[in-house]
All heavy atoms as atom14 arrays in JSON, in Angstrom:
{
  "sequence": "GEQHLQLQGQRYTLVPGESLHTENSYKYSVES",
  "atom14_mask": [
    [1, 1, 1, 1, 0, 0, 0, 0, 0, 0, 0, 0, 0, 0],
    [1, 1, 1, 1, 1, 1, 1, 1, 1, 0, 0, 0, 0, 0],
    [1, 1, 1, 1, 1, 1, 1, 1, 1, 0, 0, 0, 0, 0],
    [1, 1, 1, 1, 1, 1, 1, 1, 1, 1, 0, 0, 0, 0],
    [1, 1, 1, 1, 1, 1, 1, 1, 0, 0, 0, 0, 0, 0],
    [1, 1, 1, 1, 1, 1, 1, 1, 1, 0, 0, 0, 0, 0],
    [1, 1, 1, 1, 1, 1, 1, 1, 0, 0, 0, 0, 0, 0],
    [1, 1, 1, 1, 1, 1, 1, 1, 1, 0, 0, 0, 0, 0],
    [1, 1, 1, 1, 0, 0, 0, 0, 0, 0, 0, 0, 0, 0],
    [1, 1, 1, 1, 1, 1, 1, 1, 1, 0, 0, 0, 0, 0],
    [1, 1, 1, 1, 1, 1, 1, 1, 1, 1, 1, 0, 0, 0],
    [1, 1, 1, 1, 1, 1, 1, 1, 1, 1, 1, 1, 0, 0],
    [1, 1, 1, 1, 1, 1, 1, 0, 0, 0, 0, 0, 0, 0],
    [1, 1, 1, 1, 1, 1, 1, 1, 0, 0, 0, 0, 0, 0],
    [1, 1, 1, 1, 1, 1, 1, 0, 0, 0, 0, 0, 0, 0],
    [1, 1, 1, 1, 1, 1, 1, 0, 0, 0, 0, 0, 0, 0],
    [1, 1, 1, 1, 0, 0, 0, 0, 0, 0, 0, 0, 0, 0],
    [1, 1, 1, 1, 1, 1, 1, 1, 1, 0, 0, 0, 0, 0],
    [1, 1, 1, 1, 1, 1, 0, 0, 0, 0, 0, 0, 0, 0],
    [1, 1, 1, 1, 1, 1, 1, 1, 0, 0, 0, 0, 0, 0],
    [1, 1, 1, 1, 1, 1, 1, 1, 1, 1, 0, 0, 0, 0],
    [1, 1, 1, 1, 1, 1, 1, 0, 0, 0, 0, 0, 0, 0],
    [1, 1, 1, 1, 1, 1, 1, 1, 1, 0, 0, 0, 0, 0],
    [1, 1, 1, 1, 1, 1, 1, 1, 0, 0, 0, 0, 0, 0],
    [1, 1, 1, 1, 1, 1, 0, 0, 0, 0, 0, 0, 0, 0],
    [1, 1, 1, 1, 1, 1, 1, 1, 1, 1, 1, 1, 0, 0],
    [1, 1, 1, 1, 1, 1, 1, 1, 1, 0, 0, 0, 0, 0],
    [1, 1, 1, 1, 1, 1, 1, 1, 1, 1, 1, 1, 0, 0],
    [1, 1, 1, 1, 1, 1, 0, 0, 0, 0, 0, 0, 0, 0],
    [1, 1, 1, 1, 1, 1, 1, 0, 0, 0, 0, 0, 0, 0],
    [1, 1, 1, 1, 1, 1, 1, 1, 1, 0, 0, 0, 0, 0],
    [1, 1, 1, 1, 1, 1, 0, 0, 0, 0, 0, 0, 0, 0]
  ],
  "atom14_positions": [
    [[25.2, 7.69, -58.55], [25.17, 9.07, -59.23], [26.21, 9.2, -60.2], [26.97, 8.3, -60.64], [0.0, 0.0, 0.0], [0.0, 0.0, 0.0], [0.0, 0.0, 0.0], [0.0, 0.0, 0.0], [0.0, 0.0, 0.0], [0.0, 0.0, 0.0], [0.0, 0.0, 0.0], [0.0, 0.0, 0.0], [0.0, 0.0, 0.0], [0.0, 0.0, 0.0]],
    [[26.28, 10.44, -60.9], [27.23, 10.71, -61.93], [28.6, 10.75, -61.4], [28.83, 11.5, -60.46], [26.8, 11.99, -62.53], [27.59, 12.35, -63.84], [27.03, 13.58, -64.59], [25.88, 13.42, -65.12], [27.57, 14.62, -64.41], [0.0, 0.0, 0.0], [0.0, 0.0, 0.0], [0.0, 0.0, 0.0], [0.0, 0.0, 0.0], [0.0, 0.0, 0.0]],
    [[29.45, 9.96, -61.95], [30.96, 9.83, -61.45], [31.72, 10.37, -62.7], [31.65, 9.89, -63.79], [31.19, 8.37, -61.13], [30.4, 7.9, -59.92], [30.62, 8.71, -58.65], [31.79, 9.1, -58.39], [29.69, 8.85, -57.86], [0.0, 0.0, 0.0], [0.0, 0.0, 0.0], [0.0, 0.0, 0.0], [0.0, 0.0, 0.0], [0.0, 0.0, 0.0]],
    [[32.72, 11.25, -62.36], [33.73, 11.78, -63.28], [35.04, 11.21, -62.98], [35.52, 11.19, -61.89], [33.72, 13.31, -63.26], [32.44, 13.88, -63.42], [31.89, 14.05, -64.68], [31.51, 14.42, -62.62], [30.7, 14.6, -64.59], [30.36, 14.93, -63.41], [0.0, 0.0, 0.0], [0.0, 0.0, 0.0], [0.0, 0.0, 0.0], [0.0, 0.0, 0.0]],
    [[35.78, 10.74, -64.0], [37.01, 10.11, -63.95], [37.95, 10.77, -64.87], [37.58, 10.99, -66.03], [37.02, 8.64, -64.22], [36.06, 7.76, -63.37], [34.69, 7.65, -64.12], [36.65, 6.36, -63.1], [0.0, 0.0, 0.0], [0.0, 0.0, 0.0], [0.0, 0.0, 0.0], [0.0, 0.0, 0.0], [0.0, 0.0, 0.0], [0.0, 0.0, 0.0]],
    [[39.21, 11.11, -64.48], [40.12, 11.64, -65.38], [41.4, 10.87, -65.44], [42.11, 10.5, -64.37], [40.48, 13.11, -64.98], [41.33, 13.9, -66.0], [41.3, 15.36, -65.81], [40.18, 15.95, -65.82], [42.38, 16.01, -65.62], [0.0, 0.0, 0.0], [0.0, 0.0, 0.0], [0.0, 0.0, 0.0], [0.0, 0.0, 0.0], [0.0, 0.0, 0.0]],
    [[41.85, 10.46, -66.58], [43.13, 9.79, -66.81], [43.91, 10.33, -67.9], [43.47, 10.43, -69.03], [42.61, 8.29, -67.18], [43.74, 7.25, -67.45], [44.6, 7.05, -66.33], [43.19, 6.0, -68.08], [0.0, 0.0, 0.0], [0.0, 0.0, 0.0], [0.0, 0.0, 0.0], [0.0, 0.0, 0.0], [0.0, 0.0, 0.0], [0.0, 0.0, 0.0]],
    [[45.14, 10.72, -67.47], [46.1, 11.28, -68.52], [45.5, 12.34, -69.36], [45.73, 12.37, -70.58], [46.76, 10.09, -69.29], [47.42, 9.12, -68.4], [47.91, 7.84, -69.17], [47.25, 7.47, -70.16], [48.94, 7.24, -68.7], [0.0, 0.0, 0.0], [0.0, 0.0, 0.0], [0.0, 0.0, 0.0], [0.0, 0.0, 0.0], [0.0, 0.0, 0.0]],
    [[44.65, 13.23, -68.63], [44.14, 14.43, -69.47], [42.82, 14.05, -70.08], [42.17, 15.04, -70.62], [0.0, 0.0, 0.0], [0.0, 0.0, 0.0], [0.0, 0.0, 0.0], [0.0, 0.0, 0.0], [0.0, 0.0, 0.0], [0.0, 0.0, 0.0], [0.0, 0.0, 0.0], [0.0, 0.0, 0.0], [0.0, 0.0, 0.0], [0.0, 0.0, 0.0]],
    [[42.46, 12.82, -70.09], [41.14, 12.45, -70.78], [40.12, 12.4, -69.58], [40.27, 11.85, -68.58], [41.22, 11.16, -71.47], [42.04, 11.12, -72.65], [41.37, 11.92, -73.83], [41.67, 12.89, -74.24], [40.23, 11.37, -74.32], [0.0, 0.0, 0.0], [0.0, 0.0, 0.0], [0.0, 0.0, 0.0], [0.0, 0.0, 0.0], [0.0, 0.0, 0.0]],
    [[38.83, 12.86, -69.86], [37.85, 13.01, -68.91], [36.68, 12.01, -69.37], [36.29, 12.07, -70.53], [37.3, 14.41, -68.73], [36.33, 14.55, -67.59], [35.92, 16.08, -67.47], [34.86, 16.27, -66.46], [35.12, 16.52, -65.18], [36.28, 16.36, -64.64], [34.04, 16.71, -64.4], [0.0, 0.0, 0.0], [0.0, 0.0, 0.0], [0.0, 0.0, 0.0]],
    [[36.23, 11.24, -68.41], [35.14, 10.34, -68.67], [34.06, 10.37, -67.62], [34.28, 10.81, -66.47], [35.66, 8.84, -68.61], [36.79, 8.61, -69.56], [38.18, 8.59, -69.12], [36.64, 8.34, -70.96], [39.19, 8.43, -69.99], [37.67, 8.08, -71.81], [38.98, 8.18, -71.34], [40.0, 7.95, -72.17], [0.0, 0.0, 0.0], [0.0, 0.0, 0.0]],
    [[32.76, 10.12, -68.0], [31.68, 10.24, -67.12], [30.91, 8.87, -67.1], [30.62, 8.3, -68.22], [30.75, 11.31, -67.48], [31.53, 12.61, -67.4], [29.6, 11.46, -66.47], [0.0, 0.0, 0.0], [0.0, 0.0, 0.0], [0.0, 0.0, 0.0], [0.0, 0.0, 0.0], [0.0, 0.0, 0.0], [0.0, 0.0, 0.0], [0.0, 0.0, 0.0]],
    [[30.48, 8.29, -65.99], [29.66, 7.18, -65.85], [28.49, 7.69, -65.03], [28.68, 8.32, -64.04], [30.39, 5.97, -65.11], [31.12, 5.0, -65.99], [32.48, 5.63, -66.58], [31.42, 3.74, -65.25], [0.0, 0.0, 0.0], [0.0, 0.0, 0.0], [0.0, 0.0, 0.0], [0.0, 0.0, 0.0], [0.0, 0.0, 0.0], [0.0, 0.0, 0.0]],
    [[27.3, 7.17, -65.45], [26.08, 7.58, -64.9], [25.34, 6.46, -64.37], [25.61, 5.25, -64.9], [25.23, 8.49, -65.83], [25.85, 9.8, -66.21], [24.81, 7.72, -67.04], [0.0, 0.0, 0.0], [0.0, 0.0, 0.0], [0.0, 0.0, 0.0], [0.0, 0.0, 0.0], [0.0, 0.0, 0.0], [0.0, 0.0, 0.0], [0.0, 0.0, 0.0]],
    [[24.37, 6.53, -63.49], [23.55, 5.33, -63.07], [22.92, 4.61, -64.34], [22.47, 5.41, -65.18], [22.58, 5.94, -62.13], [23.2, 7.2, -61.54], [24.04, 7.77, -62.68], [0.0, 0.0, 0.0], [0.0, 0.0, 0.0], [0.0, 0.0, 0.0], [0.0, 0.0, 0.0], [0.0, 0.0, 0.0], [0.0, 0.0, 0.0], [0.0, 0.0, 0.0]],
    [[23.01, 3.41, -64.21], [22.56, 2.57, -65.33], [23.8, 2.14, -66.29], [23.54, 1.19, -67.07], [0.0, 0.0, 0.0], [0.0, 0.0, 0.0], [0.0, 0.0, 0.0], [0.0, 0.0, 0.0], [0.0, 0.0, 0.0], [0.0, 0.0, 0.0], [0.0, 0.0, 0.0], [0.0, 0.0, 0.0], [0.0, 0.0, 0.0], [0.0, 0.0, 0.0]],
    [[24.92, 2.65, -65.99], [26.15, 2.17, -66.73], [27.0, 1.45, -65.68], [26.76, 1.5, -64.46], [26.87, 3.36, -67.26], [26.13, 4.07, -68.36], [26.87, 5.32, -68.79], [27.69, 5.93, -68.11], [26.56, 5.75, -70.05], [0.0, 0.0, 0.0], [0.0, 0.0, 0.0], [0.0, 0.0, 0.0], [0.0, 0.0, 0.0], [0.0, 0.0, 0.0]],
    [[27.94, 0.78, -66.16], [28.88, 0.03, -65.2], [30.29, -0.2, -65.88], [30.34, -0.02, -67.08], [28.34, -1.3, -64.83], [28.44, -2.22, -65.91], [0.0, 0.0, 0.0], [0.0, 0.0, 0.0], [0.0, 0.0, 0.0], [0.0, 0.0, 0.0], [0.0, 0.0, 0.0], [0.0, 0.0, 0.0], [0.0, 0.0, 0.0], [0.0, 0.0, 0.0]],
    [[31.31, -0.4, -64.97], [32.57, -0.86, -65.48], [32.58, -2.32, -65.25], [32.58, -2.76, -64.0], [33.6, -0.1, -64.71], [35.1, -0.43, -65.14], [35.36, -0.2, -66.58], [36.09, 0.33, -64.31], [0.0, 0.0, 0.0], [0.0, 0.0, 0.0], [0.0, 0.0, 0.0], [0.0, 0.0, 0.0], [0.0, 0.0, 0.0], [0.0, 0.0, 0.0]],
    [[32.6, -3.11, -66.26], [32.57, -4.61, -66.11], [34.04, -5.14, -65.82], [34.91, -4.97, -66.77], [32.06, -5.15, -67.42], [31.79, -6.63, -67.4], [31.11, -7.34, -68.42], [32.03, -7.64, -66.57], [31.0, -8.6, -68.22], [31.6, -8.8, -67.07], [0.0, 0.0, 0.0], [0.0, 0.0, 0.0], [0.0, 0.0, 0.0], [0.0, 0.0, 0.0]],
    [[34.25, -5.67, -64.72], [35.62, -5.9, -64.24], [35.98, -7.4, -64.32], [37.14, -7.76, -64.31], [35.8, -5.39, -62.76], [34.79, -5.95, -61.9], [35.81, -3.89, -62.69], [0.0, 0.0, 0.0], [0.0, 0.0, 0.0], [0.0, 0.0, 0.0], [0.0, 0.0, 0.0], [0.0, 0.0, 0.0], [0.0, 0.0, 0.0], [0.0, 0.0, 0.0]],
    [[35.05, -8.19, -64.24], [35.44, -9.69, -64.27], [34.22, -10.54, -64.63], [33.13, -10.42, -64.45], [35.9, -10.2, -62.87], [36.3, -11.64, -62.76], [36.81, -12.04, -61.39], [36.09, -11.9, -60.42], [37.93, -12.64, -61.33], [0.0, 0.0, 0.0], [0.0, 0.0, 0.0], [0.0, 0.0, 0.0], [0.0, 0.0, 0.0], [0.0, 0.0, 0.0]],
    [[34.61, -11.66, -65.38], [33.72, -12.86, -65.52], [34.35, -14.06, -64.95], [35.57, -14.15, -64.92], [33.59, -13.14, -67.01], [32.71, -12.1, -67.77], [31.72, -11.48, -67.21], [33.17, -11.76, -69.05], [0.0, 0.0, 0.0], [0.0, 0.0, 0.0], [0.0, 0.0, 0.0], [0.0, 0.0, 0.0], [0.0, 0.0, 0.0], [0.0, 0.0, 0.0]],
    [[33.55, -14.89, -64.48], [34.08, -16.23, -64.02], [33.18, -17.34, -64.55], [32.13, -17.61, -63.94], [34.17, -16.29, -62.38], [34.63, -17.5, -62.0], [0.0, 0.0, 0.0], [0.0, 0.0, 0.0], [0.0, 0.0, 0.0], [0.0, 0.0, 0.0], [0.0, 0.0, 0.0], [0.0, 0.0, 0.0], [0.0, 0.0, 0.0], [0.0, 0.0, 0.0]],
    [[33.64, -17.92, -65.6], [32.83, -18.94, -66.22], [32.88, -20.29, -65.51], [33.93, -20.65, -64.97], [33.33, -19.14, -67.64], [32.97, -18.11, -68.7], [33.61, -17.02, -68.94], [31.81, -18.33, -69.5], [33.28, -15.97, -69.66], [31.44, -17.35, -70.38], [32.2, -16.12, -70.52], [31.77, -15.25, -71.34], [0.0, 0.0, 0.0], [0.0, 0.0, 0.0]],
    [[31.67, -20.97, -65.5], [31.7, -22.26, -64.88], [31.46, -23.33, -65.98], [30.73, -23.05, -66.86], [30.52, -22.36, -63.79], [30.58, -21.12, -62.85], [31.78, -20.94, -62.05], [31.85, -19.7, -61.28], [33.2, -19.39, -60.67], [0.0, 0.0, 0.0], [0.0, 0.0, 0.0], [0.0, 0.0, 0.0], [0.0, 0.0, 0.0], [0.0, 0.0, 0.0]],
    [[32.07, -24.53, -65.75], [32.04, -25.48, -66.84], [31.45, -26.81, -66.31], [31.44, -27.03, -65.03], [33.45, -25.84, -67.32], [34.1, -24.7, -68.08], [34.76, -23.72, -67.53], [34.01, -24.69, -69.47], [35.51, -22.72, -68.2], [34.66, -23.76, -70.27], [35.35, -22.7, -69.61], [36.0, -21.72, -70.37], [0.0, 0.0, 0.0], [0.0, 0.0, 0.0]],
    [[31.02, -27.66, -67.09], [30.84, -29.03, -66.81], [32.12, -29.65, -67.07], [33.02, -29.17, -67.87], [29.71, -29.68, -67.63], [30.1, -29.76, -68.98], [0.0, 0.0, 0.0], [0.0, 0.0, 0.0], [0.0, 0.0, 0.0], [0.0, 0.0, 0.0], [0.0, 0.0, 0.0], [0.0, 0.0, 0.0], [0.0, 0.0, 0.0], [0.0, 0.0, 0.0]],
    [[32.41, -30.88, -66.54], [33.57, -31.7, -66.85], [33.76, -31.96, -68.38], [34.83, -31.74, -68.95], [33.61, -32.96, -66.14], [34.77, -33.91, -66.6], [33.87, -32.86, -64.61], [0.0, 0.0, 0.0], [0.0, 0.0, 0.0], [0.0, 0.0, 0.0], [0.0, 0.0, 0.0], [0.0, 0.0, 0.0], [0.0, 0.0, 0.0], [0.0, 0.0, 0.0]],
    [[32.68, -32.25, -68.99], [32.67, -32.64, -70.47], [32.92, -31.3, -71.31], [33.63, -31.46, -72.21], [31.26, -33.24, -70.82], [31.05, -34.61, -70.25], [30.66, -34.38, -68.7], [30.23, -33.3, -68.22], [30.67, -35.53, -68.03], [0.0, 0.0, 0.0], [0.0, 0.0, 0.0], [0.0, 0.0, 0.0], [0.0, 0.0, 0.0], [0.0, 0.0, 0.0]],
    [[32.31, -30.23, -70.8], [32.53, -28.98, -71.71], [33.94, -28.53, -71.64], [34.57, -28.06, -72.62], [31.52, -27.89, -71.32], [31.67, -27.44, -70.06], [0.0, 0.0, 0.0], [0.0, 0.0, 0.0], [0.0, 0.0, 0.0], [0.0, 0.0, 0.0], [0.0, 0.0, 0.0], [0.0, 0.0, 0.0], [0.0, 0.0, 0.0], [0.0, 0.0, 0.0]]
  ]
}
């Protein structure tokens, strides 16, 4: 659902269909 976040006086809204992207974990071949 709609989520409201407030940080140091600034207000932000995230709604369904959006996300906070927190991590990638890349996988390699030995050669790459």
